[in-house]
Protein backbone atom coordinates (compact mmCIF):
# COMPACT_ATOMS: atom_id res chain seq x y z
CA MET A 1 -67.08 -83.30 61.55
CA LEU A 2 -69.06 -81.91 58.20
CA VAL A 3 -66.56 -84.67 55.88
CA ALA A 4 -67.14 -87.13 58.54
CA GLY A 5 -71.11 -86.66 58.20
CA ALA A 6 -71.19 -86.19 54.46
CA ALA A 7 -69.21 -89.34 54.15
CA VAL A 8 -72.20 -91.36 56.68
CA ALA A 9 -74.72 -89.35 54.54
CA ALA A 10 -73.41 -91.42 51.63
CA ARG A 11 -72.66 -94.75 53.11
CA ILE A 12 -76.22 -94.83 54.60
CA SER A 13 -77.47 -94.20 51.01
CA LYS A 14 -76.44 -97.40 49.62
CA LEU A 15 -77.82 -99.06 52.56
CA PRO A 16 -81.03 -100.92 52.39
CA GLY A 17 -83.39 -98.86 55.09
CA ASP A 18 -83.60 -101.88 57.28
CA GLN A 19 -79.81 -102.14 57.99
CA SER A 20 -78.71 -98.43 57.54
CA MET A 21 -79.52 -98.12 61.49
CA GLY A 22 -77.72 -100.48 62.40
CA ARG A 23 -74.47 -100.32 60.14
CA LEU A 24 -74.84 -96.36 61.55
CA ARG A 25 -74.67 -97.21 65.53
CA GLU A 26 -72.01 -99.61 64.12
CA HIS A 27 -69.60 -96.88 62.31
CA LEU A 28 -70.56 -93.98 64.55
CA ALA A 29 -69.01 -96.67 67.96
CA VAL A 30 -65.78 -97.31 66.08
CA THR A 31 -65.95 -93.35 64.75
CA MET A 32 -66.20 -91.45 67.67
CA PRO A 33 -63.09 -92.43 69.63
CA ARG A 34 -61.16 -91.24 66.51
CA LEU A 35 -62.66 -88.35 66.29
CA ARG A 36 -62.95 -87.17 69.51
CA LYS A 37 -58.96 -87.63 69.81
CA ILE A 38 -58.45 -85.55 66.45
CA ALA A 39 -60.29 -82.78 68.13
CA LYS A 40 -58.85 -82.71 70.92
CA ALA A 41 -55.06 -83.01 69.34
CA ASN A 42 -56.04 -79.92 66.58
CA ARG A 43 -54.14 -81.40 63.72
CA ARG A 44 -53.80 -83.95 60.80
CA TYR A 45 -53.23 -87.16 61.16
CA PRO A 46 -51.69 -89.01 58.27
CA ASN A 47 -53.71 -92.46 59.12
CA LEU A 48 -57.28 -91.74 59.85
CA GLY A 49 -57.94 -95.15 61.38
CA ALA A 50 -61.79 -95.99 61.70
CA LEU A 51 -62.27 -92.94 59.46
CA GLY A 52 -61.62 -94.53 56.92
CA GLY A 53 -64.53 -97.06 57.23
CA LEU A 54 -66.71 -94.44 56.49
CA THR A 55 -66.18 -94.13 52.79
CA ALA A 56 -68.76 -95.00 50.53
CA GLY A 57 -68.38 -99.00 49.81
CA ALA A 58 -65.67 -99.29 52.08
CA PRO A 59 -65.84 -102.76 54.27
CA THR A 60 -66.25 -102.64 58.29
CA PHE A 61 -63.46 -103.63 60.41
CA GLU A 62 -61.97 -102.62 63.67
CA LEU A 63 -58.08 -102.81 64.20
CA ASP A 64 -57.18 -103.93 67.72
CA GLY A 65 -54.19 -102.93 69.41
CA PRO A 66 -51.83 -105.45 68.94
CA SER A 67 -52.76 -105.41 65.18
CA TRP A 68 -52.16 -101.86 65.19
CA MET A 69 -48.23 -101.69 66.63
CA SER A 70 -47.80 -104.69 64.23
CA ARG A 71 -48.89 -102.96 61.26
CA ALA A 72 -47.32 -99.46 62.25
CA SER A 73 -43.92 -101.76 62.83
CA VAL A 74 -43.66 -103.13 59.45
CA ARG A 75 -44.51 -99.46 57.92
CA TRP A 76 -41.80 -98.13 59.68
CA GLN A 77 -39.52 -101.39 58.80
CA ARG A 78 -40.24 -100.70 54.65
CA ALA A 79 -40.27 -96.86 54.77
CA HIS A 80 -36.70 -97.45 55.77
CA GLU A 81 -35.91 -100.21 53.01
CA GLN A 82 -37.60 -97.74 50.70
CA THR A 83 -34.89 -94.57 51.36
CA ASP A 84 -31.94 -94.55 49.27
CA ALA A 85 -29.29 -95.14 52.08
CA SER A 86 -26.93 -92.76 50.01
CA SER A 87 -29.23 -89.96 50.46
CA LEU A 88 -29.22 -89.81 53.89
CA LEU A 89 -27.43 -87.70 56.22
CA THR A 90 -26.13 -87.89 59.83
CA ARG A 91 -28.97 -86.18 61.40
CA ASP A 92 -31.06 -88.85 59.59
CA LEU A 93 -28.83 -91.39 61.10
CA ARG A 94 -28.73 -89.86 64.60
CA SER A 95 -32.46 -90.04 64.35
CA THR A 96 -32.90 -93.86 63.76
CA THR A 97 -30.63 -94.76 66.47
CA ALA A 98 -33.06 -92.80 69.10
CA GLN A 99 -35.72 -94.75 67.01
CA VAL A 100 -34.65 -98.11 67.69
CA ARG A 101 -33.46 -97.15 71.43
CA THR A 102 -37.67 -96.38 71.46
CA ALA A 103 -38.96 -99.31 70.43
CA ILE A 104 -36.20 -101.44 72.23
CA GLY A 105 -37.38 -99.77 75.39
CA TYR A 106 -41.21 -100.34 74.52
CA ALA A 107 -39.90 -104.37 73.33
CA ALA A 108 -38.66 -104.87 76.46
CA TYR A 109 -41.50 -103.40 78.76
CA LEU A 110 -43.90 -105.85 76.42
CA VAL A 111 -41.56 -108.60 77.87
CA ASP A 112 -41.59 -107.29 81.29
CA SER A 113 -45.64 -107.22 81.24
CA LEU A 114 -45.67 -110.88 79.53
CA SER A 115 -43.35 -112.68 82.46
CA HIS A 116 -46.39 -111.92 85.15
CA LEU A 117 -48.43 -115.45 83.34
CA ARG A 118 -46.13 -117.61 84.79
CA GLY A 119 -47.53 -120.51 83.20
CA GLY A 120 -48.41 -119.45 79.71
CA VAL A 121 -45.22 -117.80 78.20
CA PRO A 122 -42.01 -119.75 78.63
CA GLN A 123 -40.15 -118.07 81.07
CA ILE A 124 -36.60 -119.17 79.66
CA LEU A 125 -37.22 -117.51 76.37
CA LEU A 126 -38.21 -114.27 77.53
CA ARG A 127 -35.30 -114.55 80.29
CA ARG A 128 -33.53 -114.57 76.79
CA LEU A 129 -35.27 -111.99 74.92
CA ARG A 130 -35.12 -109.55 77.69
CA VAL A 131 -30.89 -110.04 78.39
CA SER A 132 -30.68 -109.49 74.57
CA LEU A 133 -32.85 -106.09 74.37
CA ARG A 134 -30.66 -105.20 77.25
CA ARG A 135 -27.46 -106.01 75.77
CA ALA A 136 -28.63 -104.22 72.36
CA ASP A 137 -29.70 -101.20 74.57
CA VAL A 138 -26.69 -100.80 76.11
CA ALA A 139 -24.56 -100.95 72.49
CA ALA A 140 -27.54 -98.24 71.06
CA GLN A 141 -26.17 -95.89 73.81
CA TYR A 142 -22.48 -96.13 72.67
CA THR A 143 -23.66 -95.76 69.04
CA ALA A 144 -25.57 -92.55 69.94
CA HIS A 145 -22.30 -91.30 71.89
CA GLY A 146 -20.79 -92.26 68.59
CA TRP A 147 -22.90 -90.30 66.18
CA GLN A 148 -22.20 -86.86 68.96
CA ARG A 149 -18.49 -86.92 67.91
CA ARG A 150 -18.81 -87.43 64.29
CA LEU A 151 -20.93 -85.12 62.57
CA SER A 152 -21.85 -84.27 58.94
CA ASP A 153 -24.21 -82.07 58.53
CA VAL A 154 -25.99 -79.28 60.30
CA GLY A 155 -28.21 -80.60 63.66
CA GLY A 156 -31.96 -80.05 63.01
CA GLN A 157 -34.81 -82.70 62.69
CA SER A 158 -34.71 -85.38 60.28
CA ALA A 159 -37.11 -84.98 57.35
CA ALA A 160 -36.41 -89.21 56.16
CA PRO A 161 -39.32 -91.33 55.25
CA GLY A 162 -38.47 -93.32 58.49
CA GLU A 163 -39.04 -90.92 60.69
CA ALA A 164 -42.93 -89.75 59.79
CA ALA A 165 -43.21 -93.88 59.86
CA PHE A 166 -41.82 -93.71 63.33
CA LYS A 167 -44.39 -91.68 64.79
CA GLU A 168 -47.18 -93.76 63.06
CA LEU A 169 -45.71 -96.69 65.09
CA LEU A 170 -45.17 -94.14 68.48
CA GLU A 171 -48.32 -93.33 68.53
CA ALA A 172 -49.81 -97.35 68.17
CA LEU A 173 -46.87 -97.95 71.18
CA THR A 174 -47.81 -94.98 73.77
CA GLU A 175 -52.09 -95.36 72.71
CA ASN A 176 -52.08 -98.90 73.50
CA LEU A 177 -49.42 -99.22 76.51
CA ARG A 178 -49.57 -95.78 77.92
CA PRO A 179 -52.84 -94.47 77.14
CA GLU A 180 -52.86 -91.62 80.16
CA GLY A 181 -49.57 -90.98 79.88
CA GLN A 182 -47.90 -93.61 82.02
CA LEU A 183 -46.94 -97.34 81.29
CA LEU A 184 -49.73 -99.40 82.13
CA ALA A 185 -49.19 -102.21 84.74
CA ALA A 186 -48.54 -105.88 83.62
CA GLU A 187 -52.01 -107.52 84.90
CA VAL A 188 -53.80 -104.75 83.06
CA LEU A 189 -51.93 -105.10 79.79
CA VAL A 190 -52.43 -108.58 79.48
CA PRO A 191 -54.76 -109.76 81.70
CA ASP A 192 -55.16 -113.84 80.24
CA GLY A 193 -53.29 -115.96 77.83
CA GLN A 194 -55.38 -114.80 74.55
CA ALA A 195 -53.99 -110.84 75.13
CA ALA A 196 -50.57 -112.71 75.67
CA LYS A 197 -50.89 -114.61 72.40
CA ARG A 198 -51.76 -111.34 70.48
CA PHE A 199 -49.28 -108.94 72.10
CA LEU A 200 -46.41 -111.85 71.64
CA ASP A 201 -47.50 -111.58 67.71
CA ALA A 202 -46.95 -107.60 68.32
CA LEU A 203 -43.58 -107.89 69.92
CA ASP A 204 -42.46 -110.70 67.36
CA GLU A 205 -43.08 -108.16 64.75
CA LEU A 206 -41.54 -104.77 66.95
CA VAL A 207 -38.34 -106.67 67.75
CA TYR A 208 -37.99 -107.82 64.06
CA SER A 209 -38.60 -104.71 62.34
CA THR A 210 -35.97 -102.84 64.73
CA HIS A 211 -33.86 -105.35 63.71
CA ARG A 212 -34.36 -104.71 60.23
CA VAL A 213 -34.03 -100.71 60.75
CA ALA A 214 -30.61 -101.49 62.32
CA GLU A 215 -29.22 -103.37 60.04
CA LEU A 216 -30.10 -100.84 57.36
CA GLN A 217 -28.85 -97.87 59.56
CA GLN A 218 -25.74 -100.25 59.76
CA SER A 219 -25.26 -100.36 55.92
CA ALA A 220 -25.85 -96.24 55.62
CA THR A 221 -23.16 -95.64 57.68
CA ALA A 222 -20.81 -97.72 56.00
CA ILE A 223 -21.85 -96.06 52.51
CA LEU A 224 -21.58 -92.65 54.05
CA ILE A 225 -17.80 -93.83 55.26
CA MET A 226 -16.79 -95.22 51.91
CA GLN A 227 -18.46 -91.78 50.16
CA GLY A 228 -16.15 -89.79 52.50
CA ARG A 229 -18.89 -87.70 54.09
CA LEU A 230 -18.76 -88.64 58.07
CA PHE A 231 -16.27 -85.84 59.87
CA ALA A 232 -14.20 -87.17 62.64
CA PRO A 233 -11.79 -85.22 65.18
CA ARG A 234 -8.27 -84.43 63.69
CA SER A 235 -6.71 -85.59 66.23
CA VAL A 236 -8.33 -88.85 65.24
CA VAL A 237 -7.18 -88.64 62.17
CA ALA A 238 -4.07 -86.79 62.42
CA PRO A 239 -1.99 -90.32 63.54
CA ARG A 240 -3.59 -92.45 61.05
CA ASP A 241 -2.88 -90.10 58.14
CA GLU A 242 0.02 -88.54 57.22
CA TYR A 243 -1.31 -85.85 55.11
CA TYR A 244 -2.42 -84.45 58.51
CA LEU A 245 0.14 -85.38 61.16
CA THR A 246 2.85 -82.61 60.87
CA LYS A 247 0.15 -80.15 60.18
CA TYR A 248 -1.90 -80.96 63.05
CA GLN A 249 0.95 -80.67 65.38
CA VAL A 250 1.69 -77.47 63.92
CA GLU A 251 -1.84 -75.98 63.79
CA ARG A 252 -3.06 -77.18 66.55
CA LYS A 253 -3.17 -74.17 68.73
CA HIS A 254 -4.52 -72.14 66.03
CA VAL A 255 -7.26 -74.12 64.23
CA ARG A 256 -11.21 -73.16 65.02
CA ASN A 257 -12.54 -76.20 63.88
CA PRO A 258 -10.99 -79.34 65.08
CA TRP A 259 -13.23 -81.74 62.56
CA VAL A 260 -11.95 -83.21 58.95
CA ARG A 261 -13.72 -85.20 56.66
CA THR A 262 -12.14 -88.64 56.35
CA ASP A 263 -13.05 -91.82 54.92
CA ARG A 264 -10.20 -93.84 56.60
CA PRO A 265 -12.56 -96.47 58.21
CA ASP A 266 -10.50 -97.01 61.41
CA CYS A 267 -11.57 -93.53 62.43
CA PHE A 268 -14.85 -94.87 63.01
CA VAL A 269 -13.73 -98.30 64.60
CA ASP A 270 -16.24 -97.05 67.73
CA LEU A 271 -19.11 -96.33 65.99
CA THR A 272 -19.05 -98.98 63.21
CA THR A 273 -18.46 -101.70 66.43
CA SER A 274 -21.52 -100.26 68.33
CA LEU A 275 -23.44 -100.68 65.42
CA SER A 276 -22.30 -104.30 64.86
CA GLU A 277 -23.31 -104.85 68.63
CA VAL A 278 -26.75 -103.40 68.07
CA CYS A 279 -27.50 -105.82 65.26
CA GLU A 280 -25.60 -108.88 66.49
CA GLU A 281 -28.29 -108.45 69.71
CA LEU A 282 -31.70 -107.82 67.74
CA LEU A 283 -30.82 -110.90 65.34
CA ALA A 284 -30.72 -112.80 69.05
CA SER A 285 -33.70 -111.04 69.90
CA SER A 286 -35.90 -111.21 67.18
CA ARG A 287 -35.05 -115.42 66.68
CA ALA A 288 -36.30 -115.53 69.87
CA ALA A 289 -39.69 -113.54 69.72
CA ARG A 290 -39.71 -116.06 66.75
CA GLU A 291 -39.58 -119.05 69.33
CA LEU A 292 -42.18 -117.48 71.55
CA THR A 293 -44.45 -116.86 69.07
CA GLY A 294 -43.79 -120.35 67.45
CA ALA A 295 -43.91 -119.66 63.99
CA GLY A 296 -41.36 -120.38 61.26
CA ASP A 297 -39.16 -118.56 59.81
CA ASP A 298 -40.77 -118.62 56.06
CA LEU A 299 -42.81 -115.29 56.55
CA ARG A 300 -39.24 -113.64 56.80
CA PRO A 301 -38.42 -112.14 53.96
CA TYR A 302 -34.43 -113.27 55.00
CA GLY A 303 -35.62 -116.51 56.55
CA GLY A 304 -34.72 -115.02 59.89
CA LYS A 305 -31.18 -114.30 59.47
CA GLY A 306 -29.50 -111.11 59.37
CA VAL A 307 -28.17 -109.82 55.92
CA GLY A 308 -24.51 -109.04 57.16
CA PRO A 309 -22.83 -105.29 57.19
CA ARG A 310 -22.02 -103.86 54.42
CA PRO A 311 -17.71 -104.26 53.62
CA LEU A 312 -15.52 -101.16 54.89
CA PRO A 313 -13.60 -99.97 52.16
CA ARG A 314 -9.66 -100.19 52.68
CA THR A 315 -8.00 -97.93 54.61
CA ASP A 316 -5.20 -97.42 51.88
CA GLY A 317 -7.56 -96.22 49.67
CA PRO A 318 -8.09 -92.63 48.27
CA LEU A 319 -8.75 -90.33 51.13
CA HIS A 320 -11.31 -87.23 51.02
CA ARG A 321 -10.03 -84.23 52.77
CA SER A 322 -11.79 -81.18 54.00
CA PRO A 323 -10.12 -78.08 56.15
CA SER A 324 -13.56 -77.50 57.88
CA ALA A 325 -16.74 -78.80 59.30
CA PRO A 326 -20.16 -77.04 58.86
CA ALA A 327 -20.77 -75.03 62.01
CA ILE A 328 -23.11 -77.34 64.44
CA ASP A 329 -26.20 -76.16 66.31
CA PRO A 330 -25.87 -77.66 70.00
CA ALA A 331 -29.39 -76.95 70.73
CA ALA A 332 -30.59 -79.09 67.65
CA THR A 333 -31.37 -82.67 68.52
CA PRO A 334 -33.48 -85.18 66.38
CA GLN A 335 -36.80 -85.46 67.23
CA SER A 336 -36.79 -88.96 68.30
CA GLN A 337 -35.80 -89.32 72.13
CA PRO A 338 -34.06 -92.62 72.89
CA ASP A 339 -36.45 -93.07 76.00
CA LEU A 340 -39.69 -94.00 76.82
CA GLY A 341 -40.32 -90.06 78.46
CA ARG A 342 -41.04 -88.48 75.28
């Protein structure tokens, strides 16, 4: 509070006398709700929001809910794009799957909320978007199950930049869509056509960013497979690799840890297939959202098209083998949970 007060004093001292009180009231009206949230949460926010307007010489502006959601979506996407895929661990990718599922859930809720305005939003496009989001969520559930069976590091919370950026996105979503811990009713969230237009733009950014994050996750998974950094069950690798075929039959009754490290893509078919399905359905969702907003694809870095998956290695190439896997903590789970109740 002292810092905020000093900032206000510095700001006011640069203004003429007849403008100081008006600007002070304006800044306080924007800032006080944010200060109450910070004091109530008793933790340091990475983004001070309206507090940034207290700095000397800063312009006065107010970011509405949908704009905050759109900006947070873009930051989440860029955080993943700026992360080196080869530096990721399986726990980071498990966390990314949870992030994608959470974003899909909020996007589906926005679609349902927009559907009650029968005359304002094309219902055919909304139905198409709802179906593709539902299919993407089903495929993401299979992906989450696949990560539980493909391990390459000790369990725990992700420390990747994408996880930190997703916290801001999750804050924007919860503050605007479920401020009291429960999802707002559709007629409360989207009371008229103007609100529908703003939330359509936020939905467009959210779905597109989710699609891009899913594509980057698919590419990173291919890199991990090519580098031989993923573990697979011995029972899956043995029938495909002569090295393990006889050894597995002899030692399967005495093996403590049934995991081996391999770069055979045919040992991860279920995982790579579900990742591909998620990307395909989210691409369809992004296109439907683009049509709803009526904007063109020229503003998108890839023209509204998917960049495609990274090609997987051949199965007859050199293999990476390891007789054991690191210990896994069953109680450790990524911070991002794939549901709206987190």
